[in-house]
Amino acid sequence: MSTEVHDNRDRQRYEIREDGELAGFVQYNMRGGRLILVHTEIDDAHEGHGLASILVRGALDDIRIRGLHIVPICPYVERFIQKHPDYDDLVDHEMFDALNAEKK
C-alpha cells in the first residue's frame, strides 16, 4: 500500500491518502504565525495501519521544512511529540501554555 501526506491549505489540514483514497487528516488553524494542530482523525476503514503516526510525522516534517512552529492542542499530536522528543523544538511552548490556561 502506498501512503502520501500533503498539506491541503484550502481546508487547513494535512491529509493522508492510502492508495489514492483519503484516509485521514490533521486539522489546523493559523494563529499568530503558528499552526495550531487541533484534531487528528483516521477513517474507520483505514484504522489499524499506523496511519495516524505516519500522518503526524509527515505533517511535522513538512512544518519543520517550512520553518514554522506549532501548538499541539490535539491530544494525539501532543502524545506523539512526548514519545518523539526530537519534534519538541517545533512547539511554541509559550503559546501552548497560554492556550491551555484559556481552557481552564
N, C-alpha and C. Protein backbone atom coordinates (compact mmCIF):
# COMPACT_ATOMS: atom_id res chain seq x y z
N MET A 1 0.83 -1.18 0.00
CA MET A 1 0.00 0.00 0.00
C MET A 1 0.88 1.24 0.00
N SER A 2 0.47 2.24 -0.75
CA SER A 2 1.21 3.49 -0.78
C SER A 2 0.47 4.54 0.04
N THR A 3 1.24 5.35 0.75
CA THR A 3 0.67 6.44 1.52
C THR A 3 1.32 7.75 1.11
N GLU A 4 0.54 8.80 1.20
CA GLU A 4 1.02 10.13 0.84
C GLU A 4 0.40 11.13 1.81
N VAL A 5 1.25 12.02 2.36
CA VAL A 5 0.79 13.09 3.25
C VAL A 5 1.02 14.41 2.54
N HIS A 6 0.00 15.26 2.53
CA HIS A 6 0.17 16.59 1.93
C HIS A 6 -0.67 17.61 2.69
N ASP A 7 -0.27 18.86 2.56
CA ASP A 7 -0.96 19.97 3.20
C ASP A 7 -2.04 20.50 2.27
N ASN A 8 -3.29 20.35 2.65
CA ASN A 8 -4.41 20.91 1.90
C ASN A 8 -4.71 22.27 2.55
N ARG A 9 -4.02 23.29 2.10
CA ARG A 9 -4.13 24.61 2.72
C ARG A 9 -5.52 25.21 2.60
N ASP A 10 -6.24 24.90 1.53
CA ASP A 10 -7.60 25.41 1.38
C ASP A 10 -8.51 24.92 2.51
N ARG A 11 -8.28 23.70 2.96
CA ARG A 11 -9.11 23.12 4.03
C ARG A 11 -8.43 23.19 5.40
N GLN A 12 -7.24 23.78 5.44
CA GLN A 12 -6.44 23.92 6.66
C GLN A 12 -6.27 22.57 7.36
N ARG A 13 -5.71 21.64 6.61
CA ARG A 13 -5.43 20.34 7.20
C ARG A 13 -4.39 19.59 6.39
N TYR A 14 -3.64 18.77 7.10
CA TYR A 14 -2.76 17.81 6.46
C TYR A 14 -3.59 16.56 6.25
N GLU A 15 -3.50 16.01 5.04
CA GLU A 15 -4.27 14.83 4.70
C GLU A 15 -3.34 13.66 4.40
N ILE A 16 -3.81 12.47 4.70
CA ILE A 16 -3.09 11.26 4.32
C ILE A 16 -3.99 10.45 3.39
N ARG A 17 -3.39 10.00 2.32
CA ARG A 17 -4.10 9.14 1.36
C ARG A 17 -3.41 7.79 1.34
N GLU A 18 -4.24 6.76 1.32
CA GLU A 18 -3.74 5.40 1.21
C GLU A 18 -4.25 4.85 -0.11
N ASP A 19 -3.31 4.52 -0.99
CA ASP A 19 -3.65 4.07 -2.34
C ASP A 19 -4.60 5.06 -3.03
N GLY A 20 -4.33 6.35 -2.84
CA GLY A 20 -5.10 7.40 -3.50
C GLY A 20 -6.39 7.80 -2.81
N GLU A 21 -6.81 7.06 -1.80
CA GLU A 21 -8.07 7.34 -1.10
C GLU A 21 -7.79 8.11 0.20
N LEU A 22 -8.56 9.18 0.42
CA LEU A 22 -8.41 9.95 1.65
C LEU A 22 -8.67 9.04 2.84
N ALA A 23 -7.67 8.96 3.73
CA ALA A 23 -7.77 8.06 4.88
C ALA A 23 -7.83 8.81 6.20
N GLY A 24 -7.44 10.08 6.22
CA GLY A 24 -7.46 10.83 7.46
C GLY A 24 -6.85 12.20 7.30
N PHE A 25 -6.85 12.94 8.42
CA PHE A 25 -6.33 14.31 8.37
C PHE A 25 -5.96 14.80 9.77
N VAL A 26 -5.12 15.84 9.78
CA VAL A 26 -4.83 16.63 10.98
C VAL A 26 -5.30 18.04 10.67
N GLN A 27 -6.33 18.49 11.38
CA GLN A 27 -6.90 19.83 11.18
C GLN A 27 -6.04 20.85 11.91
N TYR A 28 -5.84 22.01 11.30
CA TYR A 28 -5.08 23.08 11.96
C TYR A 28 -5.73 24.43 11.72
N ASN A 29 -5.33 25.38 12.55
CA ASN A 29 -5.69 26.79 12.39
C ASN A 29 -4.41 27.58 12.49
N MET A 30 -4.33 28.67 11.75
CA MET A 30 -3.19 29.58 11.86
C MET A 30 -3.53 30.64 12.90
N ARG A 31 -2.60 30.87 13.81
CA ARG A 31 -2.80 31.90 14.83
C ARG A 31 -1.45 32.45 15.21
N GLY A 32 -1.28 33.73 15.01
CA GLY A 32 -0.02 34.35 15.38
C GLY A 32 1.18 33.74 14.68
N GLY A 33 0.99 33.33 13.42
CA GLY A 33 2.09 32.73 12.67
C GLY A 33 2.42 31.31 13.09
N ARG A 34 1.57 30.70 13.88
CA ARG A 34 1.77 29.33 14.34
C ARG A 34 0.65 28.44 13.82
N LEU A 35 0.95 27.17 13.61
CA LEU A 35 -0.08 26.20 13.27
C LEU A 35 -0.59 25.59 14.56
N ILE A 36 -1.86 25.80 14.84
CA ILE A 36 -2.49 25.18 15.99
C ILE A 36 -3.08 23.86 15.50
N LEU A 37 -2.48 22.75 15.90
CA LEU A 37 -2.94 21.43 15.47
C LEU A 37 -4.05 20.99 16.42
N VAL A 38 -5.29 20.98 15.91
CA VAL A 38 -6.45 20.83 16.79
C VAL A 38 -7.09 19.45 16.80
N HIS A 39 -6.96 18.68 15.72
CA HIS A 39 -7.69 17.40 15.67
C HIS A 39 -7.06 16.46 14.66
N THR A 40 -6.90 15.21 15.05
CA THR A 40 -6.42 14.16 14.15
C THR A 40 -7.52 13.12 14.02
N GLU A 41 -7.77 12.71 12.78
CA GLU A 41 -8.84 11.73 12.53
C GLU A 41 -8.41 10.78 11.42
N ILE A 42 -8.60 9.49 11.67
CA ILE A 42 -8.38 8.45 10.67
C ILE A 42 -9.72 7.77 10.43
N ASP A 43 -10.08 7.62 9.16
CA ASP A 43 -11.34 6.97 8.79
C ASP A 43 -11.34 5.54 9.33
N ASP A 44 -12.51 5.10 9.80
CA ASP A 44 -12.65 3.75 10.37
C ASP A 44 -12.13 2.66 9.44
N ALA A 45 -12.35 2.81 8.15
CA ALA A 45 -11.94 1.79 7.18
C ALA A 45 -10.42 1.69 7.07
N HIS A 46 -9.68 2.67 7.60
CA HIS A 46 -8.22 2.68 7.48
C HIS A 46 -7.52 2.53 8.82
N GLU A 47 -8.27 2.30 9.88
CA GLU A 47 -7.66 2.14 11.20
C GLU A 47 -6.82 0.87 11.26
N GLY A 48 -5.85 0.90 12.16
CA GLY A 48 -5.02 -0.28 12.39
C GLY A 48 -3.85 -0.42 11.44
N HIS A 49 -3.61 0.58 10.60
CA HIS A 49 -2.49 0.53 9.66
C HIS A 49 -1.36 1.47 10.07
N GLY A 50 -1.47 2.10 11.23
CA GLY A 50 -0.43 3.02 11.69
C GLY A 50 -0.45 4.36 10.96
N LEU A 51 -1.58 4.68 10.34
CA LEU A 51 -1.65 5.89 9.52
C LEU A 51 -1.61 7.18 10.33
N ALA A 52 -2.15 7.17 11.54
CA ALA A 52 -2.12 8.40 12.35
C ALA A 52 -0.68 8.81 12.62
N SER A 53 0.14 7.87 12.94
CA SER A 53 1.55 8.14 13.20
C SER A 53 2.27 8.63 11.94
N ILE A 54 2.01 7.98 10.82
CA ILE A 54 2.61 8.40 9.55
C ILE A 54 2.14 9.81 9.19
N LEU A 55 0.87 10.08 9.40
CA LEU A 55 0.30 11.39 9.09
C LEU A 55 0.94 12.48 9.95
N VAL A 56 0.99 12.27 11.25
CA VAL A 56 1.55 13.30 12.14
C VAL A 56 3.03 13.50 11.85
N ARG A 57 3.77 12.43 11.66
CA ARG A 57 5.20 12.57 11.34
C ARG A 57 5.38 13.35 10.03
N GLY A 58 4.59 13.03 9.02
CA GLY A 58 4.69 13.74 7.74
C GLY A 58 4.36 15.21 7.88
N ALA A 59 3.31 15.51 8.66
CA ALA A 59 2.93 16.91 8.89
C ALA A 59 4.05 17.65 9.62
N LEU A 60 4.57 17.06 10.68
CA LEU A 60 5.63 17.72 11.45
C LEU A 60 6.90 17.90 10.64
N ASP A 61 7.23 16.92 9.82
CA ASP A 61 8.41 17.07 8.95
C ASP A 61 8.22 18.22 7.96
N ASP A 62 7.03 18.34 7.39
CA ASP A 62 6.75 19.44 6.47
C ASP A 62 6.80 20.78 7.19
N ILE A 63 6.24 20.84 8.37
CA ILE A 63 6.25 22.07 9.17
C ILE A 63 7.68 22.48 9.48
N ARG A 64 8.52 21.52 9.80
CA ARG A 64 9.93 21.82 10.08
C ARG A 64 10.62 22.38 8.83
N ILE A 65 10.39 21.76 7.68
CA ILE A 65 11.00 22.23 6.43
C ILE A 65 10.57 23.66 6.13
N ARG A 66 9.31 23.97 6.42
CA ARG A 66 8.78 25.31 6.17
C ARG A 66 9.22 26.33 7.21
N GLY A 67 9.90 25.89 8.26
CA GLY A 67 10.40 26.81 9.28
C GLY A 67 9.32 27.36 10.19
N LEU A 68 8.22 26.62 10.34
CA LEU A 68 7.10 27.07 11.17
C LEU A 68 7.15 26.40 12.54
N HIS A 69 6.29 26.88 13.43
CA HIS A 69 6.15 26.29 14.75
C HIS A 69 4.69 25.91 14.97
N ILE A 70 4.48 25.07 15.97
CA ILE A 70 3.14 24.52 16.22
C ILE A 70 2.72 24.72 17.67
N VAL A 71 1.43 24.56 17.86
CA VAL A 71 0.84 24.43 19.19
C VAL A 71 -0.04 23.18 19.12
N PRO A 72 0.38 22.09 19.78
CA PRO A 72 -0.34 20.82 19.67
C PRO A 72 -1.51 20.72 20.65
N ILE A 73 -2.66 21.23 20.25
CA ILE A 73 -3.86 21.12 21.07
C ILE A 73 -4.46 19.72 20.96
N CYS A 74 -4.30 19.09 19.82
CA CYS A 74 -4.79 17.73 19.61
C CYS A 74 -4.06 16.77 20.56
N PRO A 75 -4.80 16.02 21.36
CA PRO A 75 -4.16 15.08 22.29
C PRO A 75 -3.25 14.05 21.60
N TYR A 76 -3.65 13.59 20.40
CA TYR A 76 -2.82 12.61 19.70
C TYR A 76 -1.47 13.22 19.32
N VAL A 77 -1.50 14.43 18.78
CA VAL A 77 -0.25 15.10 18.39
C VAL A 77 0.61 15.37 19.62
N GLU A 78 -0.01 15.80 20.69
CA GLU A 78 0.73 16.07 21.93
C GLU A 78 1.43 14.80 22.43
N ARG A 79 0.71 13.67 22.45
CA ARG A 79 1.33 12.39 22.87
C ARG A 79 2.43 11.96 21.91
N PHE A 80 2.21 12.17 20.60
CA PHE A 80 3.22 11.80 19.61
C PHE A 80 4.52 12.55 19.89
N ILE A 81 4.43 13.83 20.18
CA ILE A 81 5.63 14.63 20.45
C ILE A 81 6.28 14.19 21.76
N GLN A 82 5.50 13.84 22.75
CA GLN A 82 6.07 13.33 24.00
C GLN A 82 6.86 12.06 23.75
N LYS A 83 6.37 11.20 22.85
CA LYS A 83 7.06 9.94 22.53
C LYS A 83 8.23 10.15 21.57
N HIS A 84 8.21 11.26 20.84
CA HIS A 84 9.26 11.58 19.86
C HIS A 84 9.78 12.99 20.14
N PRO A 85 10.57 13.14 21.20
CA PRO A 85 11.00 14.48 21.64
C PRO A 85 11.85 15.23 20.63
N ASP A 86 12.29 14.56 19.56
CA ASP A 86 13.05 15.27 18.53
C ASP A 86 12.17 16.28 17.78
N TYR A 87 10.85 16.24 18.00
CA TYR A 87 9.94 17.22 17.40
C TYR A 87 9.57 18.34 18.38
N ASP A 88 10.04 18.26 19.62
CA ASP A 88 9.67 19.25 20.63
C ASP A 88 10.13 20.66 20.26
N ASP A 89 11.19 20.77 19.47
CA ASP A 89 11.67 22.10 19.08
C ASP A 89 10.68 22.84 18.19
N LEU A 90 9.71 22.15 17.63
CA LEU A 90 8.69 22.79 16.81
C LEU A 90 7.60 23.45 17.65
N VAL A 91 7.50 23.06 18.90
CA VAL A 91 6.41 23.52 19.77
C VAL A 91 6.70 24.92 20.30
N ASP A 92 5.73 25.81 20.13
CA ASP A 92 5.79 27.13 20.77
C ASP A 92 5.20 26.93 22.16
N HIS A 93 6.06 26.66 23.13
CA HIS A 93 5.61 26.32 24.48
C HIS A 93 4.91 27.49 25.17
N GLU A 94 5.32 28.70 24.87
CA GLU A 94 4.68 29.86 25.47
C GLU A 94 3.21 29.96 25.03
N MET A 95 2.97 29.81 23.73
CA MET A 95 1.60 29.86 23.23
C MET A 95 0.81 28.64 23.69
N PHE A 96 1.46 27.48 23.73
CA PHE A 96 0.82 26.26 24.20
C PHE A 96 0.31 26.45 25.64
N ASP A 97 1.17 26.98 26.51
CA ASP A 97 0.79 27.21 27.89
C ASP A 97 -0.33 28.24 27.99
N ALA A 98 -0.27 29.29 27.19
CA ALA A 98 -1.30 30.33 27.21
C ALA A 98 -2.66 29.77 26.77
N LEU A 99 -2.66 28.96 25.70
CA LEU A 99 -3.92 28.38 25.23
C LEU A 99 -4.48 27.38 26.24
N ASN A 100 -3.62 26.63 26.88
CA ASN A 100 -4.08 25.69 27.91
C ASN A 100 -4.66 26.44 29.11
N ALA A 101 -4.08 27.58 29.44
CA ALA A 101 -4.60 28.38 30.56
C ALA A 101 -5.98 28.92 30.22
N GLU A 102 -6.22 29.25 28.93
CA GLU A 102 -7.54 29.74 28.49
C GLU A 102 -8.61 28.68 28.66
N LYS A 103 -8.23 27.40 28.50
CA LYS A 103 -9.20 26.30 28.60
C LYS A 103 -9.70 26.11 30.03
N LYS A 104 -8.90 26.52 31.00
CA LYS A 104 -9.25 26.27 32.41
C LYS A 104 -10.22 27.29 32.94
